[in-house]
Amino acid sequence: SCKLFFSDDPLKIVKAKGQYMYDEKGQRYLDCINNVAHVGHCHPDVVKAAHEQTQLLNTNSRFLHDNLVDYAERLSRTLPEKLSSFYFLNSGSEANDLALRLARQYTKHEDVIVLD
């Protein structure tokens, strides 16, 4: 069920830096579809932060850790008080699942309409 974006001439991407991705032949492509628009691939600050974090702890957010609370507190100071609850998830699928469960809990309804 996974869609291959370039089925006639598939890309084999082997590295990326900044806003570009590179195939196995060294051809450069502007990355317009991945989630890198803010800082790009391999941004030194992001790489450094990830390196430091993985030396300390490398797990998803199902376990309690002070960094989750610290981040939520910093984030809440930038938002209106109504937006003071946070849910940390590790994927879009988990976010969709949680949104559905929260909507069912709030509305007390089970029905869902999905548009493609």
Protein backbone atom coordinates (compact mmCIF):
# COMPACT_ATOMS: atom_id res chain seq x y z
CA SER A 1 0.00 0.00 0.00
CA CYS A 2 3.04 2.28 -0.13
CA LYS A 3 3.01 4.58 -3.15
CA LEU A 4 6.18 4.84 -5.25
CA PHE A 5 6.36 8.47 -6.34
CA PHE A 6 8.43 7.87 -9.48
CA SER A 7 7.36 4.45 -10.74
CA ASP A 8 8.62 4.93 -14.32
CA ASP A 9 12.06 6.19 -13.29
CA PRO A 10 12.46 5.67 -9.52
CA LEU A 11 14.90 7.82 -7.57
CA LYS A 12 17.44 6.24 -5.28
CA ILE A 13 18.26 9.03 -2.84
CA VAL A 14 21.47 8.39 -0.88
CA LYS A 15 22.08 11.67 0.98
CA ALA A 16 20.71 15.14 1.60
CA LYS A 17 21.97 18.52 2.79
CA GLY A 18 20.12 21.78 3.19
CA GLN A 19 17.25 21.92 0.73
CA TYR A 20 18.77 19.34 -1.64
CA MET A 21 18.70 15.57 -1.94
CA TYR A 22 21.20 13.58 -4.03
CA ASP A 23 20.83 10.33 -5.91
CA GLU A 24 23.44 7.58 -6.26
CA LYS A 25 24.86 9.31 -9.35
CA GLY A 26 25.37 12.62 -7.54
CA GLN A 27 22.41 14.33 -9.28
CA ARG A 28 21.00 17.10 -7.09
CA TYR A 29 17.24 17.52 -6.52
CA LEU A 30 15.41 20.35 -4.76
CA ASP A 31 13.42 18.72 -1.94
CA CYS A 32 9.89 20.10 -2.08
CA ILE A 33 8.01 17.20 -0.44
CA ASN A 34 9.80 16.23 2.79
CA ASN A 35 9.41 17.94 6.14
CA VAL A 36 12.60 19.99 5.90
CA ALA A 37 11.29 23.38 4.82
CA HIS A 38 12.23 25.13 8.07
CA VAL A 39 15.91 24.27 8.47
CA GLY A 40 16.76 21.81 5.70
CA HIS A 41 18.44 18.42 5.82
CA CYS A 42 21.46 17.99 8.11
CA HIS A 43 21.26 21.45 9.68
CA PRO A 44 24.27 21.64 12.05
CA ASP A 45 22.18 22.81 15.04
CA VAL A 46 19.66 20.00 14.55
CA VAL A 47 22.38 17.39 14.03
CA LYS A 48 24.18 18.60 17.19
CA ALA A 49 20.98 18.54 19.27
CA ALA A 50 20.04 15.07 17.98
CA HIS A 51 23.56 13.79 18.67
CA GLU A 52 23.53 15.15 22.22
CA GLN A 53 20.06 13.71 22.89
CA THR A 54 20.85 10.25 21.54
CA GLN A 55 23.94 10.09 23.74
CA LEU A 56 21.64 10.62 26.72
CA LEU A 57 18.46 8.80 25.75
CA ASN A 58 17.09 7.45 22.47
CA THR A 59 13.45 6.46 22.87
CA ASN A 60 10.01 7.68 21.92
CA SER A 61 7.81 9.81 24.16
CA ARG A 62 5.91 7.01 25.92
CA PHE A 63 8.22 7.32 28.95
CA LEU A 64 8.31 10.22 31.39
CA HIS A 65 11.25 12.57 31.06
CA ASP A 66 11.89 16.10 32.35
CA ASN A 67 12.63 17.36 28.82
CA LEU A 68 9.00 16.76 27.83
CA VAL A 69 7.76 18.90 30.70
CA ASP A 70 10.41 21.58 30.13
CA TYR A 71 9.51 21.79 26.44
CA ALA A 72 5.77 21.95 27.15
CA GLU A 73 6.31 24.77 29.64
CA ARG A 74 8.46 26.75 27.17
CA LEU A 75 5.97 26.16 24.38
CA SER A 76 2.98 27.15 26.52
CA ARG A 77 4.56 30.55 27.22
CA THR A 78 4.35 31.33 23.49
CA LEU A 79 0.66 30.45 23.13
CA PRO A 80 -2.69 31.66 24.48
CA GLU A 81 -3.72 30.06 27.79
CA LYS A 82 -6.45 28.05 26.03
CA LEU A 83 -3.68 26.16 24.22
CA SER A 84 -1.93 24.86 27.31
CA SER A 85 -2.40 21.10 26.91
CA PHE A 86 0.13 19.16 24.86
CA TYR A 87 0.28 15.66 23.48
CA PHE A 88 3.70 14.42 22.34
CA LEU A 89 3.52 11.65 19.77
CA ASN A 90 6.07 10.00 17.56
CA SER A 91 4.24 9.94 14.21
CA GLY A 92 1.42 11.34 12.15
CA SER A 93 -0.39 8.00 12.50
CA GLU A 94 -0.30 8.25 16.28
CA ALA A 95 -1.50 11.87 16.07
CA ASN A 96 -4.44 10.86 13.86
CA ASP A 97 -5.30 7.98 16.17
CA LEU A 98 -5.23 10.24 19.23
CA ALA A 99 -7.30 12.94 17.50
CA LEU A 100 -9.94 10.34 16.66
CA ARG A 101 -10.00 8.98 20.22
CA LEU A 102 -10.24 12.50 21.69
CA ALA A 103 -13.08 13.43 19.31
CA ARG A 104 -14.98 10.26 20.24
CA GLN A 105 -14.47 10.91 23.94
CA TYR A 106 -15.60 14.54 23.64
CA THR A 107 -18.61 13.98 21.37
CA LYS A 108 -19.63 10.57 22.76
CA HIS A 109 -20.12 9.47 19.13
CA GLU A 110 -18.39 6.66 17.26
CA ASP A 111 -19.23 7.59 13.66
CA VAL A 112 -16.49 8.95 11.43
CA ILE A 113 -16.47 10.30 7.88
CA VAL A 114 -13.21 10.01 5.96
CA LEU A 115 -12.67 11.93 2.73
CA ASP A 116 -10.04 10.93 0.21
